[in-house]
């Protein structure tokens, strides 16, 4: 049962839920694409200053962003710089899988609250960082274990990210795609830590 002091609840589907209606993609602002490229190029700990700009730009671009020509051109540039050891089709689908839940979170209308509390980094932490960037809200994180490290262990053994055909292991695939997912959660962790006014752990 929902406790009596709870006055509002919203569930956010990251990978499932209703499919967004098909929309004609409109070209994103060149400044947004530049900020996206800079965000991808920056070390994880240096990405916090980009968040407010990206939040405004990505919400303005709308749900058709992943299908826009400018986004495609950016993806090609990143592939040529980083991913040429792996098939382009695999790179494209991984790009979509990595970015789709982030775009869903950016579309969330945050409540007008004074304080936001996340119980982990990752996706929950990103919403908390968005609350700081959009609303100037107070923010807190309670670490119940190190979420980023737990995701790294999960990714290391994950077959769903890349499972080579029998007898045809491909170290490049393993390095690129699993490294990509690890880097994503490292970046989300850095954004959360950078945005939170208080970080509390269960013990030293």
N, C-alpha and C. Protein backbone atom coordinates (compact mmCIF):
# COMPACT_ATOMS: atom_id res chain seq x y z
N UNK A 1 0.83 -1.22 0.00
CA UNK A 1 0.00 0.00 0.00
C UNK A 1 0.86 1.26 0.00
N UNK A 2 0.37 2.28 -0.66
CA UNK A 2 1.08 3.56 -0.69
C UNK A 2 0.90 4.23 0.67
N UNK A 3 2.00 4.63 1.33
CA UNK A 3 1.87 5.30 2.64
C UNK A 3 1.03 6.56 2.52
N UNK A 4 0.35 6.95 3.60
CA UNK A 4 -0.57 8.10 3.53
C UNK A 4 0.14 9.43 3.27
N UNK A 5 1.45 9.50 3.56
CA UNK A 5 2.14 10.78 3.33
C UNK A 5 2.60 10.94 1.88
N UNK A 6 2.39 9.93 1.04
CA UNK A 6 2.75 10.04 -0.37
C UNK A 6 1.62 10.74 -1.11
N UNK A 7 1.95 11.86 -1.77
CA UNK A 7 0.90 12.65 -2.42
C UNK A 7 0.96 12.55 -3.94
N UNK A 8 2.00 11.95 -4.48
CA UNK A 8 2.13 11.91 -5.94
C UNK A 8 3.12 10.83 -6.33
N UNK A 9 2.86 10.16 -7.43
CA UNK A 9 3.76 9.12 -7.91
C UNK A 9 3.75 9.12 -9.43
N UNK A 10 4.92 8.90 -10.02
CA UNK A 10 5.03 8.77 -11.47
C UNK A 10 6.04 7.69 -11.80
N UNK A 11 5.64 6.74 -12.63
CA UNK A 11 6.56 5.71 -13.10
C UNK A 11 7.09 6.11 -14.47
N UNK A 12 8.38 5.90 -14.69
CA UNK A 12 9.02 6.26 -15.95
C UNK A 12 9.59 4.99 -16.58
N UNK A 13 9.08 4.63 -17.75
CA UNK A 13 9.59 3.46 -18.46
C UNK A 13 10.80 3.84 -19.29
N UNK A 14 11.90 3.14 -19.09
CA UNK A 14 13.14 3.46 -19.81
C UNK A 14 13.25 2.70 -21.12
N UNK A 15 12.88 1.42 -21.11
CA UNK A 15 13.06 0.58 -22.28
C UNK A 15 11.76 0.04 -22.84
N UNK A 16 10.70 0.06 -22.05
CA UNK A 16 9.42 -0.47 -22.51
C UNK A 16 8.34 0.57 -22.43
N UNK A 17 7.11 0.11 -22.20
CA UNK A 17 6.00 1.04 -22.10
C UNK A 17 5.47 1.43 -23.47
N UNK A 18 4.55 2.38 -23.51
CA UNK A 18 3.94 2.79 -24.78
C UNK A 18 4.98 3.29 -25.77
N UNK A 19 4.81 2.92 -27.01
CA UNK A 19 5.71 3.38 -28.06
C UNK A 19 5.36 4.83 -28.43
N UNK A 20 6.37 5.66 -28.52
CA UNK A 20 6.13 7.05 -28.89
C UNK A 20 5.60 7.12 -30.32
N UNK A 21 4.67 8.04 -30.60
CA UNK A 21 4.16 8.16 -31.96
C UNK A 21 5.27 8.55 -32.93
N UNK A 22 5.18 8.05 -34.15
CA UNK A 22 6.17 8.40 -35.17
C UNK A 22 6.00 9.87 -35.54
N UNK A 23 7.08 10.58 -35.53
CA UNK A 23 7.04 12.00 -35.86
C UNK A 23 8.08 12.28 -36.92
N UNK A 24 7.80 13.30 -37.70
CA UNK A 24 8.78 13.70 -38.71
C UNK A 24 9.93 14.40 -38.00
N UNK A 25 11.16 13.87 -38.13
CA UNK A 25 12.27 14.50 -37.42
C UNK A 25 12.58 15.88 -37.97
N UNK A 26 12.83 16.82 -37.07
CA UNK A 26 13.29 18.12 -37.52
C UNK A 26 14.75 18.27 -37.13
N UNK A 27 15.46 19.01 -37.91
CA UNK A 27 16.90 19.09 -37.71
C UNK A 27 17.23 19.80 -36.39
N UNK A 28 18.07 19.20 -35.57
CA UNK A 28 18.46 19.85 -34.32
C UNK A 28 19.34 21.06 -34.58
N UNK A 29 19.33 21.96 -33.64
CA UNK A 29 20.17 23.16 -33.72
C UNK A 29 21.65 22.74 -33.80
N UNK A 30 22.43 23.36 -34.70
CA UNK A 30 23.86 23.02 -34.78
C UNK A 30 24.59 23.18 -33.45
N UNK A 31 24.15 24.15 -32.63
CA UNK A 31 24.78 24.33 -31.32
C UNK A 31 24.54 23.10 -30.43
N UNK A 32 23.36 22.48 -30.57
CA UNK A 32 23.08 21.27 -29.80
C UNK A 32 24.00 20.14 -30.23
N UNK A 33 24.18 19.96 -31.54
CA UNK A 33 25.06 18.90 -32.02
C UNK A 33 26.50 19.14 -31.57
N UNK A 34 26.91 20.40 -31.56
CA UNK A 34 28.25 20.72 -31.07
C UNK A 34 28.38 20.39 -29.59
N UNK A 35 27.35 20.70 -28.82
CA UNK A 35 27.38 20.40 -27.39
C UNK A 35 27.37 18.90 -27.16
N UNK A 36 26.62 18.16 -27.98
CA UNK A 36 26.61 16.70 -27.87
C UNK A 36 27.99 16.11 -28.14
N UNK A 37 28.63 16.61 -29.18
CA UNK A 37 29.96 16.11 -29.53
C UNK A 37 30.95 16.45 -28.41
N UNK A 38 30.87 17.66 -27.87
CA UNK A 38 31.76 18.04 -26.77
C UNK A 38 31.48 17.21 -25.53
N UNK A 39 30.20 16.91 -25.29
CA UNK A 39 29.84 16.09 -24.15
C UNK A 39 30.46 14.70 -24.27
N UNK A 40 30.37 14.12 -25.46
CA UNK A 40 30.94 12.79 -25.67
C UNK A 40 32.46 12.81 -25.57
N UNK A 41 33.07 13.91 -25.94
CA UNK A 41 34.53 13.98 -25.94
C UNK A 41 35.11 14.28 -24.57
N UNK A 42 34.31 14.88 -23.69
CA UNK A 42 34.83 15.31 -22.39
C UNK A 42 34.97 14.13 -21.44
N UNK A 43 35.93 14.18 -20.52
CA UNK A 43 35.99 13.17 -19.46
C UNK A 43 34.70 13.20 -18.65
N UNK A 44 34.35 12.06 -18.06
CA UNK A 44 33.08 11.96 -17.35
C UNK A 44 32.91 13.04 -16.30
N UNK A 45 33.98 13.32 -15.55
CA UNK A 45 33.87 14.28 -14.46
C UNK A 45 33.69 15.71 -14.94
N UNK A 46 33.93 15.98 -16.23
CA UNK A 46 33.84 17.34 -16.76
C UNK A 46 32.54 17.59 -17.50
N UNK A 47 31.57 16.68 -17.40
CA UNK A 47 30.36 16.79 -18.22
C UNK A 47 29.24 17.58 -17.56
N UNK A 48 29.34 17.84 -16.27
CA UNK A 48 28.25 18.53 -15.56
C UNK A 48 27.87 19.87 -16.20
N UNK A 49 28.84 20.73 -16.58
CA UNK A 49 28.45 22.02 -17.15
C UNK A 49 27.63 21.92 -18.44
N UNK A 50 27.71 20.78 -19.12
CA UNK A 50 26.95 20.63 -20.37
C UNK A 50 25.48 20.31 -20.12
N UNK A 51 25.15 19.86 -18.91
CA UNK A 51 23.85 19.23 -18.71
C UNK A 51 22.68 20.17 -18.97
N UNK A 52 22.71 21.39 -18.42
CA UNK A 52 21.58 22.31 -18.60
C UNK A 52 21.39 22.65 -20.08
N UNK A 53 22.51 22.89 -20.79
CA UNK A 53 22.40 23.21 -22.22
C UNK A 53 21.85 22.03 -23.01
N UNK A 54 22.34 20.84 -22.71
CA UNK A 54 21.84 19.67 -23.42
C UNK A 54 20.38 19.41 -23.09
N UNK A 55 19.99 19.60 -21.85
CA UNK A 55 18.61 19.38 -21.45
C UNK A 55 17.67 20.26 -22.27
N UNK A 56 17.97 21.56 -22.35
CA UNK A 56 17.12 22.48 -23.13
C UNK A 56 17.10 22.09 -24.60
N UNK A 57 18.28 21.80 -25.15
CA UNK A 57 18.37 21.52 -26.58
C UNK A 57 17.71 20.21 -26.96
N UNK A 58 17.90 19.18 -26.14
CA UNK A 58 17.33 17.87 -26.47
C UNK A 58 15.82 17.88 -26.34
N UNK A 59 15.29 18.59 -25.35
CA UNK A 59 13.83 18.66 -25.22
C UNK A 59 13.23 19.46 -26.38
N UNK A 60 13.93 20.49 -26.82
CA UNK A 60 13.43 21.26 -27.96
C UNK A 60 13.48 20.45 -29.24
N UNK A 61 14.48 19.57 -29.36
CA UNK A 61 14.61 18.76 -30.58
C UNK A 61 13.49 17.75 -30.71
N UNK A 62 12.94 17.30 -29.58
CA UNK A 62 11.80 16.40 -29.62
C UNK A 62 12.16 14.95 -29.85
N UNK A 63 11.14 14.07 -29.89
CA UNK A 63 11.37 12.63 -29.97
C UNK A 63 11.97 12.15 -31.28
N UNK A 64 11.97 12.99 -32.31
CA UNK A 64 12.54 12.57 -33.59
C UNK A 64 14.03 12.77 -33.69
N UNK A 65 14.68 13.15 -32.58
CA UNK A 65 16.09 13.49 -32.63
C UNK A 65 16.95 12.36 -33.19
N UNK A 66 16.69 11.12 -32.75
CA UNK A 66 17.55 10.01 -33.17
C UNK A 66 17.43 9.73 -34.66
N UNK A 67 16.35 10.21 -35.30
CA UNK A 67 16.18 9.98 -36.73
C UNK A 67 16.59 11.17 -37.58
N UNK A 68 17.04 12.26 -36.97
CA UNK A 68 17.39 13.46 -37.73
C UNK A 68 18.71 13.27 -38.46
N UNK A 69 18.84 13.94 -39.61
CA UNK A 69 20.06 13.80 -40.41
C UNK A 69 21.30 14.33 -39.67
N UNK A 70 21.14 15.44 -38.95
CA UNK A 70 22.28 15.98 -38.21
C UNK A 70 22.78 15.01 -37.15
N UNK A 71 21.84 14.32 -36.48
CA UNK A 71 22.24 13.33 -35.48
C UNK A 71 22.95 12.17 -36.14
N UNK A 72 22.45 11.75 -37.30
CA UNK A 72 23.09 10.67 -38.06
C UNK A 72 24.52 11.05 -38.44
N UNK A 73 24.71 12.26 -38.90
CA UNK A 73 26.05 12.70 -39.28
C UNK A 73 26.99 12.70 -38.07
N UNK A 74 26.48 13.12 -36.91
CA UNK A 74 27.28 13.08 -35.69
C UNK A 74 27.66 11.65 -35.34
N UNK A 75 26.69 10.74 -35.47
CA UNK A 75 26.96 9.33 -35.18
C UNK A 75 28.06 8.79 -36.10
N UNK A 76 28.00 9.15 -37.37
CA UNK A 76 29.02 8.70 -38.33
C UNK A 76 30.39 9.23 -37.93
N UNK A 77 30.46 10.49 -37.53
CA UNK A 77 31.75 11.06 -37.13
C UNK A 77 32.32 10.35 -35.91
N UNK A 78 31.46 10.06 -34.94
CA UNK A 78 31.92 9.36 -33.75
C UNK A 78 32.37 7.94 -34.10
N UNK A 79 31.66 7.30 -35.01
CA UNK A 79 32.05 5.95 -35.44
C UNK A 79 33.42 5.97 -36.11
N UNK A 80 33.63 6.93 -36.98
CA UNK A 80 34.91 6.99 -37.68
C UNK A 80 36.06 7.30 -36.72
N UNK A 81 35.75 8.03 -35.64
CA UNK A 81 36.80 8.37 -34.69
C UNK A 81 37.07 7.26 -33.68
N UNK A 82 36.04 6.44 -33.39
CA UNK A 82 36.18 5.52 -32.26
C UNK A 82 35.86 4.07 -32.56
N UNK A 83 35.01 3.81 -33.52
CA UNK A 83 34.42 2.47 -33.60
C UNK A 83 34.68 1.68 -34.85
N UNK A 84 35.69 2.05 -35.62
CA UNK A 84 35.82 1.44 -36.94
C UNK A 84 36.26 -0.02 -36.89
N UNK A 85 36.57 -0.52 -35.71
CA UNK A 85 36.92 -1.93 -35.59
C UNK A 85 35.69 -2.83 -35.54
N UNK A 86 34.49 -2.24 -35.49
CA UNK A 86 33.27 -3.03 -35.35
C UNK A 86 32.32 -2.67 -36.48
N UNK A 87 31.38 -3.57 -36.82
CA UNK A 87 30.43 -3.27 -37.90
C UNK A 87 29.58 -2.04 -37.59
N UNK A 88 29.34 -1.23 -38.61
CA UNK A 88 28.60 0.01 -38.42
C UNK A 88 27.17 -0.25 -37.95
N UNK A 89 26.52 -1.31 -38.47
CA UNK A 89 25.15 -1.60 -38.06
C UNK A 89 25.08 -1.88 -36.56
N UNK A 90 26.04 -2.63 -36.03
CA UNK A 90 26.06 -2.89 -34.58
C UNK A 90 26.26 -1.60 -33.81
N UNK A 91 27.09 -0.72 -34.34
CA UNK A 91 27.35 0.57 -33.69
C UNK A 91 26.07 1.40 -33.63
N UNK A 92 25.32 1.43 -34.73
CA UNK A 92 24.08 2.22 -34.79
C UNK A 92 23.07 1.72 -33.76
N UNK A 93 22.87 0.40 -33.70
CA UNK A 93 21.86 -0.12 -32.78
C UNK A 93 22.28 0.04 -31.34
N UNK A 94 23.58 -0.04 -31.07
CA UNK A 94 24.05 0.21 -29.70
C UNK A 94 23.86 1.68 -29.34
N UNK A 95 24.14 2.57 -30.28
CA UNK A 95 23.90 4.01 -30.06
C UNK A 95 22.45 4.23 -29.63
N UNK A 96 21.51 3.62 -30.34
CA UNK A 96 20.09 3.82 -30.02
C UNK A 96 19.77 3.24 -28.64
N UNK A 97 20.30 2.05 -28.34
CA UNK A 97 20.01 1.42 -27.05
C UNK A 97 20.57 2.22 -25.89
N UNK A 98 21.74 2.84 -26.09
CA UNK A 98 22.36 3.63 -25.04
C UNK A 98 21.61 4.95 -24.83
N UNK A 99 21.18 5.57 -25.90
CA UNK A 99 20.62 6.93 -25.81
C UNK A 99 19.11 6.97 -25.58
N UNK A 100 18.38 5.94 -26.00
CA UNK A 100 16.92 6.00 -25.89
C UNK A 100 16.43 6.22 -24.46
N UNK A 101 16.94 5.46 -23.47
CA UNK A 101 16.44 5.71 -22.10
C UNK A 101 16.81 7.10 -21.59
N UNK A 102 17.94 7.64 -22.02
CA UNK A 102 18.31 8.99 -21.59
C UNK A 102 17.33 10.02 -22.15
N UNK A 103 16.93 9.84 -23.42
CA UNK A 103 15.97 10.76 -24.02
C UNK A 103 14.61 10.64 -23.33
N UNK A 104 14.24 9.43 -22.93
CA UNK A 104 12.97 9.27 -22.20
C UNK A 104 13.00 10.03 -20.88
N UNK A 105 14.15 9.99 -20.19
CA UNK A 105 14.25 10.71 -18.93
C UNK A 105 14.19 12.22 -19.14
N UNK A 106 14.80 12.70 -20.22
CA UNK A 106 14.77 14.14 -20.49
C UNK A 106 13.36 14.63 -20.77
N UNK A 107 12.49 13.74 -21.20
CA UNK A 107 11.12 14.13 -21.52
C UNK A 107 10.22 14.18 -20.28
N UNK A 108 10.73 13.75 -19.13
CA UNK A 108 9.93 13.71 -17.91
C UNK A 108 9.69 15.13 -17.40
N UNK A 109 8.44 15.43 -17.05
CA UNK A 109 8.11 16.70 -16.39
C UNK A 109 8.33 16.52 -14.88
N UNK A 110 9.35 17.18 -14.37
CA UNK A 110 9.66 17.05 -12.96
C UNK A 110 8.68 17.84 -12.11
N UNK A 111 8.31 17.33 -10.94
CA UNK A 111 7.42 18.09 -10.05
C UNK A 111 8.15 19.31 -9.48
N UNK A 112 7.39 20.30 -9.13
CA UNK A 112 7.96 21.53 -8.58
C UNK A 112 8.26 21.31 -7.10
N UNK A 113 9.34 20.56 -6.85
CA UNK A 113 9.72 20.24 -5.48
C UNK A 113 10.98 21.01 -5.09
N UNK A 114 11.19 21.15 -3.79
CA UNK A 114 12.35 21.89 -3.30
C UNK A 114 13.59 21.00 -3.18
N UNK A 115 13.37 19.70 -2.92
CA UNK A 115 14.49 18.78 -2.72
C UNK A 115 14.21 17.49 -3.48
N UNK A 116 15.24 16.98 -4.16
CA UNK A 116 15.15 15.71 -4.85
C UNK A 116 16.19 14.76 -4.26
N UNK A 117 15.78 13.50 -4.07
CA UNK A 117 16.64 12.51 -3.43
C UNK A 117 16.72 11.28 -4.32
N UNK A 118 17.92 10.87 -4.67
CA UNK A 118 18.14 9.63 -5.43
C UNK A 118 18.78 8.60 -4.52
N UNK A 119 18.38 7.34 -4.69
CA UNK A 119 18.98 6.26 -3.91
C UNK A 119 20.09 5.55 -4.67
N UNK A 120 20.42 6.07 -5.84
CA UNK A 120 21.55 5.53 -6.60
C UNK A 120 21.93 6.54 -7.66
N UNK A 121 23.09 6.35 -8.26
CA UNK A 121 23.43 7.12 -9.44
C UNK A 121 22.71 6.47 -10.63
N UNK A 122 23.27 6.51 -11.82
CA UNK A 122 22.59 5.91 -12.97
C UNK A 122 21.40 6.74 -13.40
N UNK A 123 20.32 6.07 -13.79
CA UNK A 123 19.16 6.78 -14.33
C UNK A 123 18.48 7.64 -13.27
N UNK A 124 18.35 7.10 -12.05
CA UNK A 124 17.75 7.89 -10.97
C UNK A 124 18.59 9.12 -10.68
N UNK A 125 19.90 8.94 -10.69
CA UNK A 125 20.79 10.08 -10.44
C UNK A 125 20.68 11.14 -11.51
N UNK A 126 20.46 10.71 -12.78
CA UNK A 126 20.32 11.69 -13.85
C UNK A 126 19.10 12.58 -13.62
N UNK A 127 17.97 11.98 -13.17
CA UNK A 127 16.79 12.80 -12.89
C UNK A 127 17.09 13.82 -11.79
N UNK A 128 17.88 13.42 -10.80
CA UNK A 128 18.23 14.34 -9.73
C UNK A 128 19.10 15.48 -10.26
N UNK A 129 20.06 15.13 -11.14
CA UNK A 129 20.90 16.17 -11.74
C UNK A 129 20.06 17.11 -12.61
N UNK A 130 19.06 16.58 -13.31
CA UNK A 130 18.17 17.42 -14.11
C UNK A 130 17.38 18.38 -13.21
N UNK A 131 16.97 17.90 -12.03
CA UNK A 131 16.24 18.76 -11.10
C UNK A 131 17.10 19.94 -10.67
N UNK A 132 18.39 19.69 -10.47
CA UNK A 132 19.30 20.77 -10.11
C UNK A 132 19.43 21.75 -11.28
N UNK A 133 19.60 21.22 -12.50
CA UNK A 133 19.82 22.07 -13.67
C UNK A 133 18.57 22.87 -14.03
N UNK A 134 17.39 22.24 -13.96
CA UNK A 134 16.16 22.90 -14.39
C UNK A 134 15.57 23.81 -13.31
N UNK A 135 15.54 23.31 -12.09
CA UNK A 135 14.77 23.95 -11.04
C UNK A 135 15.62 24.61 -9.97
N UNK A 136 16.93 24.33 -9.98
CA UNK A 136 17.77 24.82 -8.90
C UNK A 136 17.43 24.19 -7.57
N UNK A 137 16.89 22.97 -7.61
CA UNK A 137 16.43 22.31 -6.39
C UNK A 137 17.61 21.81 -5.57
N UNK A 138 17.36 21.61 -4.28
CA UNK A 138 18.32 20.91 -3.45
C UNK A 138 18.35 19.44 -3.84
N UNK A 139 19.52 18.81 -3.77
CA UNK A 139 19.65 17.44 -4.24
C UNK A 139 20.48 16.62 -3.28
N UNK A 140 20.09 15.36 -3.11
CA UNK A 140 20.81 14.45 -2.22
C UNK A 140 20.88 13.07 -2.85
N UNK A 141 21.96 12.38 -2.55
CA UNK A 141 22.16 11.00 -3.01
C UNK A 141 22.53 10.16 -1.81
N UNK A 142 21.84 9.03 -1.63
CA UNK A 142 22.27 8.05 -0.65
C UNK A 142 22.78 6.83 -1.39
N UNK A 143 24.03 6.50 -1.17
CA UNK A 143 24.67 5.38 -1.87
C UNK A 143 24.43 4.08 -1.10
N UNK A 144 23.66 3.18 -1.71
CA UNK A 144 23.42 1.85 -1.14
C UNK A 144 24.30 0.88 -1.91
N UNK A 145 25.60 0.92 -1.66
CA UNK A 145 26.55 0.23 -2.53
C UNK A 145 26.95 1.20 -3.63
N UNK A 146 27.96 0.84 -4.39
CA UNK A 146 28.42 1.70 -5.48
C UNK A 146 27.76 1.23 -6.78
N UNK A 147 26.75 1.97 -7.20
CA UNK A 147 25.94 1.56 -8.34
C UNK A 147 26.79 1.42 -9.60
N UNK A 148 27.70 2.35 -9.83
CA UNK A 148 28.52 2.29 -11.04
C UNK A 148 29.37 1.02 -11.06
N UNK A 149 29.95 0.68 -9.93
CA UNK A 149 30.77 -0.54 -9.88
C UNK A 149 29.93 -1.78 -10.07
N UNK A 150 28.72 -1.78 -9.51
CA UNK A 150 27.82 -2.92 -9.70
C UNK A 150 27.45 -3.09 -11.16
N UNK A 151 27.20 -1.97 -11.86
CA UNK A 151 26.88 -2.07 -13.29
C UNK A 151 28.09 -2.57 -14.09
N UNK A 152 29.31 -2.14 -13.70
CA UNK A 152 30.50 -2.61 -14.40
C UNK A 152 30.65 -4.12 -14.28
N UNK A 153 30.39 -4.67 -13.09
CA UNK A 153 30.48 -6.11 -12.91
C UNK A 153 29.41 -6.83 -13.74
N UNK A 154 28.22 -6.25 -13.77
CA UNK A 154 27.13 -6.83 -14.56
C UNK A 154 27.48 -6.81 -16.05
N UNK A 155 28.00 -5.68 -16.53
CA UNK A 155 28.32 -5.53 -17.95
C UNK A 155 29.44 -6.48 -18.35
N UNK A 156 30.42 -6.67 -17.46
CA UNK A 156 31.56 -7.55 -17.77
C UNK A 156 31.09 -8.95 -18.18
N UNK A 157 30.05 -9.45 -17.50
CA UNK A 157 29.58 -10.79 -17.80
C UNK A 157 28.32 -10.84 -18.64
N UNK A 158 27.88 -9.70 -19.17
CA UNK A 158 26.59 -9.65 -19.88
C UNK A 158 26.69 -10.25 -21.27
N UNK A 159 25.82 -11.21 -21.56
CA UNK A 159 25.74 -11.74 -22.91
C UNK A 159 24.85 -10.93 -23.82
N UNK A 160 23.96 -10.11 -23.23
CA UNK A 160 23.01 -9.37 -24.07
C UNK A 160 23.66 -8.18 -24.77
N UNK A 161 24.83 -7.72 -24.28
CA UNK A 161 25.50 -6.60 -24.95
C UNK A 161 26.22 -7.09 -26.19
N UNK A 162 26.99 -8.16 -26.03
CA UNK A 162 27.63 -8.74 -27.22
C UNK A 162 27.91 -10.20 -26.94
N UNK A 163 27.32 -11.07 -27.74
CA UNK A 163 27.57 -12.50 -27.61
C UNK A 163 28.12 -12.98 -28.95
N UNK A 164 29.41 -13.32 -29.03
CA UNK A 164 29.99 -13.71 -30.32
C UNK A 164 29.47 -15.06 -30.76
N UNK A 165 29.45 -15.31 -32.08
CA UNK A 165 29.10 -16.65 -32.55
C UNK A 165 30.05 -17.69 -31.96
N UNK A 166 29.59 -18.92 -31.85
CA UNK A 166 30.38 -19.98 -31.24
C UNK A 166 31.74 -20.10 -31.93
N UNK A 167 32.78 -20.04 -31.14
CA UNK A 167 34.13 -20.19 -31.67
C UNK A 167 34.66 -18.99 -32.42
N UNK A 168 33.96 -17.85 -32.35
CA UNK A 168 34.38 -16.65 -33.11
C UNK A 168 34.40 -15.43 -32.21
N UNK A 169 35.12 -15.55 -31.12
CA UNK A 169 35.23 -14.40 -30.20
C UNK A 169 35.84 -13.20 -30.93
N UNK A 170 35.32 -12.02 -30.61
CA UNK A 170 35.81 -10.79 -31.25
C UNK A 170 36.17 -9.78 -30.16
N UNK A 171 37.45 -9.68 -29.78
CA UNK A 171 37.84 -8.75 -28.71
C UNK A 171 37.46 -7.31 -29.00
N UNK A 172 37.47 -6.91 -30.27
CA UNK A 172 37.12 -5.52 -30.60
C UNK A 172 35.67 -5.24 -30.24
N UNK A 173 34.76 -6.16 -30.58
CA UNK A 173 33.35 -5.98 -30.21
C UNK A 173 33.21 -5.87 -28.70
N UNK A 174 33.87 -6.79 -28.00
CA UNK A 174 33.78 -6.80 -26.54
C UNK A 174 34.26 -5.47 -25.97
N UNK A 175 35.38 -4.99 -26.46
CA UNK A 175 35.97 -3.76 -25.94
C UNK A 175 35.10 -2.54 -26.25
N UNK A 176 34.63 -2.43 -27.48
CA UNK A 176 33.88 -1.24 -27.89
C UNK A 176 32.52 -1.18 -27.21
N UNK A 177 31.75 -2.25 -27.31
CA UNK A 177 30.37 -2.18 -26.85
C UNK A 177 30.24 -2.26 -25.34
N UNK A 178 30.99 -3.15 -24.70
CA UNK A 178 30.92 -3.20 -23.24
C UNK A 178 31.58 -1.95 -22.65
N UNK A 179 32.64 -1.49 -23.29
CA UNK A 179 33.26 -0.24 -22.84
C UNK A 179 32.31 0.93 -22.95
N UNK A 180 31.49 0.94 -23.98
CA UNK A 180 30.51 2.01 -24.18
C UNK A 180 29.49 2.04 -23.04
N UNK A 181 28.95 0.85 -22.70
CA UNK A 181 27.98 0.80 -21.62
C UNK A 181 28.62 1.17 -20.28
N UNK A 182 29.85 0.72 -20.03
CA UNK A 182 30.53 1.10 -18.79
C UNK A 182 30.72 2.62 -18.72
N UNK A 183 31.15 3.19 -19.84
CA UNK A 183 31.38 4.64 -19.87
C UNK A 183 30.08 5.41 -19.63
N UNK A 184 28.97 4.87 -20.11
CA UNK A 184 27.69 5.54 -19.89
C UNK A 184 27.38 5.64 -18.40
N UNK A 185 27.52 4.54 -17.67
CA UNK A 185 27.18 4.57 -16.25
C UNK A 185 28.22 5.36 -15.45
N UNK A 186 29.47 5.37 -15.90
CA UNK A 186 30.48 6.22 -15.26
C UNK A 186 30.10 7.70 -15.43
N UNK A 187 29.65 8.06 -16.63
CA UNK A 187 29.26 9.45 -16.88
C UNK A 187 28.03 9.83 -16.05
N UNK A 188 27.05 8.93 -15.97
CA UNK A 188 25.86 9.22 -15.15
C UNK A 188 26.25 9.37 -13.68
N UNK A 189 27.19 8.55 -13.23
CA UNK A 189 27.65 8.68 -11.85
C UNK A 189 28.32 10.01 -11.61
N UNK A 190 29.18 10.41 -12.53
CA UNK A 190 29.88 11.69 -12.38
C UNK A 190 28.90 12.86 -12.39
N UNK A 191 27.88 12.79 -13.26
CA UNK A 191 26.87 13.85 -13.30
C UNK A 191 26.11 13.93 -11.97
N UNK A 192 25.78 12.77 -11.41
CA UNK A 192 25.04 12.75 -10.15
C UNK A 192 25.88 13.34 -9.02
N UNK A 193 27.13 12.88 -8.91
CA UNK A 193 27.99 13.39 -7.83
C UNK A 193 28.20 14.89 -7.99
N UNK A 194 28.38 15.35 -9.22
CA UNK A 194 28.61 16.76 -9.44
C UNK A 194 27.42 17.63 -9.13
N UNK A 195 26.21 17.05 -9.23
CA UNK A 195 24.99 17.85 -9.04
C UNK A 195 24.44 17.80 -7.63
N UNK A 196 24.85 16.80 -6.84
CA UNK A 196 24.21 16.61 -5.54
C UNK A 196 24.86 17.47 -4.46
N UNK A 197 23.99 18.09 -3.66
CA UNK A 197 24.46 18.91 -2.54
C UNK A 197 24.97 18.04 -1.39
N UNK A 198 24.39 16.86 -1.24
CA UNK A 198 24.79 15.93 -0.19
C UNK A 198 24.89 14.53 -0.77
N UNK A 199 25.99 13.86 -0.45
CA UNK A 199 26.16 12.45 -0.80
C UNK A 199 26.39 11.70 0.50
N UNK A 200 25.52 10.76 0.81
CA UNK A 200 25.58 10.02 2.08
C UNK A 200 25.71 8.54 1.78
N UNK A 201 26.67 7.89 2.45
CA UNK A 201 26.85 6.45 2.29
C UNK A 201 26.39 5.73 3.55
N UNK A 202 26.15 4.43 3.40
CA UNK A 202 25.68 3.66 4.54
C UNK A 202 26.78 3.47 5.58
N UNK A 203 28.03 3.43 5.12
CA UNK A 203 29.16 3.27 6.04
C UNK A 203 30.42 3.70 5.30
N UNK A 204 31.53 3.80 6.02
CA UNK A 204 32.76 4.30 5.40
C UNK A 204 33.22 3.41 4.26
